[in-house]
């Protein structure tokens, strides 16, 4: 088994339900790990990064949970060889005293 690791994929996007979050882009940070069985059917980490960033920026999700669910579904279609997916989306600037976000761990 192999695992690709993406740490601190960082970009700005509209993400959240607060008025400020709907009107101003904010910093979004994504961590992702994908486990797959062999080198023959590898998972392209560059494509994974592009998919994640594009989906969050274009869809302007109100809920991080919706973003995570949509990204999971898209990655499953692109990489059916995935055996495990860890995905964490955080918003480091929305609260002054906490780093907040949502994470999932799925096993297939």
C-alpha atoms as a PDB file:
ATOM      1  CA  UNK A   1       0.000   0.000   0.000  1.00  0.00           C
ATOM      2  CA  UNK A   2       1.040   3.579  -0.693  1.00  0.00           C
ATOM      3  CA  UNK A   3      -0.234   6.863   0.689  1.00  0.00           C
ATOM      4  CA  UNK A   4       0.057  10.247  -0.971  1.00  0.00           C
ATOM      5  CA  UNK A   5       0.289  13.090   1.506  1.00  0.00           C
ATOM      6  CA  UNK A   6      -0.792  16.638   0.776  1.00  0.00           C
ATOM      7  CA  UNK A   7      -0.132  19.111   3.566  1.00  0.00           C
ATOM      8  CA  UNK A   8      -1.204  22.718   3.759  1.00  0.00           C
ATOM      9  CA  UNK A   9      -2.668  23.196   0.305  1.00  0.00           C
ATOM     10  CA  UNK A  10      -3.401  26.899   0.781  1.00  0.00           C
ATOM     11  CA  UNK A  11      -5.568  29.269  -1.229  1.00  0.00           C
ATOM     12  CA  UNK A  12      -8.284  31.908  -0.838  1.00  0.00           C
ATOM     13  CA  UNK A  13     -11.968  31.169  -1.383  1.00  0.00           C
ATOM     14  CA  UNK A  14     -15.527  32.030  -0.387  1.00  0.00           C
ATOM     15  CA  UNK A  15     -16.374  29.376   2.216  1.00  0.00           C
ATOM     16  CA  UNK A  16     -18.782  29.679   5.132  1.00  0.00           C
ATOM     17  CA  UNK A  17     -22.138  30.938   6.286  1.00  0.00           C
ATOM     18  CA  UNK A  18     -21.241  34.193   8.002  1.00  0.00           C
ATOM     19  CA  UNK A  19     -21.918  37.388   6.043  1.00  0.00           C
ATOM     20  CA  UNK A  20     -18.223  38.258   5.970  1.00  0.00           C
ATOM     21  CA  UNK A  21     -17.398  34.753   4.674  1.00  0.00           C
ATOM     22  CA  UNK A  22     -19.939  35.093   1.860  1.00  0.00           C
ATOM     23  CA  UNK A  23     -18.569  38.481   0.737  1.00  0.00           C
ATOM     24  CA  UNK A  24     -14.798  38.183   1.195  1.00  0.00           C
ATOM     25  CA  UNK A  25     -12.405  35.421   0.272  1.00  0.00           C
ATOM     26  CA  UNK A  26     -10.599  33.918   3.220  1.00  0.00           C
ATOM     27  CA  UNK A  27      -7.625  31.648   3.631  1.00  0.00           C
ATOM     28  CA  UNK A  28      -8.452  27.938   3.295  1.00  0.00           C
ATOM     29  CA  UNK A  29      -5.980  25.188   4.173  1.00  0.00           C
ATOM     30  CA  UNK A  30      -6.472  21.573   3.094  1.00  0.00           C
ATOM     31  CA  UNK A  31      -4.661  18.436   4.221  1.00  0.00           C
ATOM     32  CA  UNK A  32      -5.289  15.169   2.441  1.00  0.00           C
ATOM     33  CA  UNK A  33      -4.026  11.591   2.524  1.00  0.00           C
ATOM     34  CA  UNK A  34      -5.042   8.924   0.030  1.00  0.00           C
ATOM     35  CA  UNK A  35      -4.060   5.289   0.375  1.00  0.00           C
ATOM     36  CA  UNK A  36      -3.996   3.067  -2.702  1.00  0.00           C
ATOM     37  CA  UNK A  37      -2.766  -0.479  -3.361  1.00  0.00           C
ATOM     38  CA  UNK A  38       0.005  -0.297  -5.957  1.00  0.00           C
ATOM     39  CA  UNK A  39       2.227   1.826  -8.207  1.00  0.00           C
ATOM     40  CA  UNK A  40       0.517   0.669 -11.364  1.00  0.00           C
ATOM     41  CA  UNK A  41      -2.700   2.518 -10.491  1.00  0.00           C
ATOM     42  CA  UNK A  42      -1.115   5.453  -8.680  1.00  0.00           C
ATOM     43  CA  UNK A  43      -2.966   8.528  -7.457  1.00  0.00           C
ATOM     44  CA  UNK A  44      -1.753  11.757  -9.057  1.00  0.00           C
ATOM     45  CA  UNK A  45      -1.256  14.207  -6.178  1.00  0.00           C
ATOM     46  CA  UNK A  46      -1.105  17.154  -8.571  1.00  0.00           C
ATOM     47  CA  UNK A  47      -4.547  16.304  -9.935  1.00  0.00           C
ATOM     48  CA  UNK A  48      -5.886  15.818  -6.391  1.00  0.00           C
ATOM     49  CA  UNK A  49      -4.673  19.316  -5.442  1.00  0.00           C
ATOM     50  CA  UNK A  50      -6.202  20.840  -8.567  1.00  0.00           C
ATOM     51  CA  UNK A  51      -9.571  19.143  -7.963  1.00  0.00           C
ATOM     52  CA  UNK A  52      -9.757  20.208  -4.320  1.00  0.00           C
ATOM     53  CA  UNK A  53      -8.809  23.824  -4.961  1.00  0.00           C
ATOM     54  CA  UNK A  54     -11.006  24.211  -8.046  1.00  0.00           C
ATOM     55  CA  UNK A  55     -14.078  22.722  -6.367  1.00  0.00           C
ATOM     56  CA  UNK A  56     -13.843  24.892  -3.263  1.00  0.00           C
ATOM     57  CA  UNK A  57     -13.169  28.095  -5.204  1.00  0.00           C
ATOM     58  CA  UNK A  58     -15.832  27.549  -7.868  1.00  0.00           C
ATOM     59  CA  UNK A  59     -18.638  26.238  -5.648  1.00  0.00           C
ATOM     60  CA  UNK A  60     -18.365  28.828  -2.870  1.00  0.00           C
ATOM     61  CA  UNK A  61     -19.713  26.350  -0.320  1.00  0.00           C
ATOM     62  CA  UNK A  62     -21.675  27.588   2.675  1.00  0.00           C
ATOM     63  CA  UNK A  63     -20.788  24.499   4.718  1.00  0.00           C
ATOM     64  CA  UNK A  64     -17.364  22.895   4.867  1.00  0.00           C
ATOM     65  CA  UNK A  65     -19.193  19.562   5.216  1.00  0.00           C
ATOM     66  CA  UNK A  66     -20.718  20.029   1.757  1.00  0.00           C
ATOM     67  CA  UNK A  67     -17.289  20.774   0.303  1.00  0.00           C
ATOM     68  CA  UNK A  68     -15.770  17.693   1.933  1.00  0.00           C
ATOM     69  CA  UNK A  69     -18.611  15.441   0.715  1.00  0.00           C
ATOM     70  CA  UNK A  70     -18.406  16.758  -2.856  1.00  0.00           C
ATOM     71  CA  UNK A  71     -14.619  16.430  -2.944  1.00  0.00           C
ATOM     72  CA  UNK A  72     -14.823  12.880  -1.614  1.00  0.00           C
ATOM     73  CA  UNK A  73     -17.340  11.917  -4.316  1.00  0.00           C
ATOM     74  CA  UNK A  74     -15.256  13.490  -7.081  1.00  0.00           C
ATOM     75  CA  UNK A  75     -12.032  11.835  -5.920  1.00  0.00           C
ATOM     76  CA  UNK A  76     -13.767   8.450  -5.697  1.00  0.00           C
ATOM     77  CA  UNK A  77     -14.825   8.777  -9.334  1.00  0.00           C
ATOM     78  CA  UNK A  78     -11.374   9.880 -10.481  1.00  0.00           C
ATOM     79  CA  UNK A  79      -9.460   7.365  -8.373  1.00  0.00           C
ATOM     80  CA  UNK A  80     -11.581   4.256  -7.746  1.00  0.00           C
ATOM     81  CA  UNK A  81      -8.449   2.499  -6.492  1.00  0.00           C
ATOM     82  CA  UNK A  82      -8.530   4.589  -3.292  1.00  0.00           C
ATOM     83  CA  UNK A  83      -8.656   2.438  -0.189  1.00  0.00           C
ATOM     84  CA  UNK A  84      -8.662   5.249   2.356  1.00  0.00           C
ATOM     85  CA  UNK A  85      -9.230   8.998   2.276  1.00  0.00           C
ATOM     86  CA  UNK A  86      -8.360  11.504   4.976  1.00  0.00           C
ATOM     87  CA  UNK A  87      -9.449  15.054   4.203  1.00  0.00           C
ATOM     88  CA  UNK A  88      -9.257  18.110   6.444  1.00  0.00           C
ATOM     89  CA  UNK A  89     -10.392  21.611   5.486  1.00  0.00           C
ATOM     90  CA  UNK A  90      -9.575  24.449   7.881  1.00  0.00           C
ATOM     91  CA  UNK A  91     -10.105  28.190   7.967  1.00  0.00           C
ATOM     92  CA  UNK A  92      -7.200  29.644   9.968  1.00  0.00           C
ATOM     93  CA  UNK A  93      -8.293  33.275   9.952  1.00  0.00           C
ATOM     94  CA  UNK A  94     -12.021  33.168  10.739  1.00  0.00           C
ATOM     95  CA  UNK A  95     -11.621  33.038  14.536  1.00  0.00           C
ATOM     96  CA  UNK A  96      -8.886  34.899  16.374  1.00  0.00           C
ATOM     97  CA  UNK A  97      -8.415  32.277  19.068  1.00  0.00           C
ATOM     98  CA  UNK A  98      -8.897  28.958  17.230  1.00  0.00           C
ATOM     99  CA  UNK A  99      -8.155  27.023  14.072  1.00  0.00           C
ATOM    100  CA  UNK A 100     -11.487  25.605  12.879  1.00  0.00           C
ATOM    101  CA  UNK A 101     -12.519  23.172  10.197  1.00  0.00           C
ATOM    102  CA  UNK A 102     -13.889  19.750   9.315  1.00  0.00           C
ATOM    103  CA  UNK A 103     -12.128  16.458   8.712  1.00  0.00           C
ATOM    104  CA  UNK A 104     -13.165  13.010   7.526  1.00  0.00           C
ATOM    105  CA  UNK A 105     -11.574   9.590   7.391  1.00  0.00           C
ATOM    106  CA  UNK A 106     -13.155   7.107   5.012  1.00  0.00           C
ATOM    107  CA  UNK A 107     -12.180   3.504   4.349  1.00  0.00           C
ATOM    108  CA  UNK A 108     -13.391   1.776   1.201  1.00  0.00           C
END
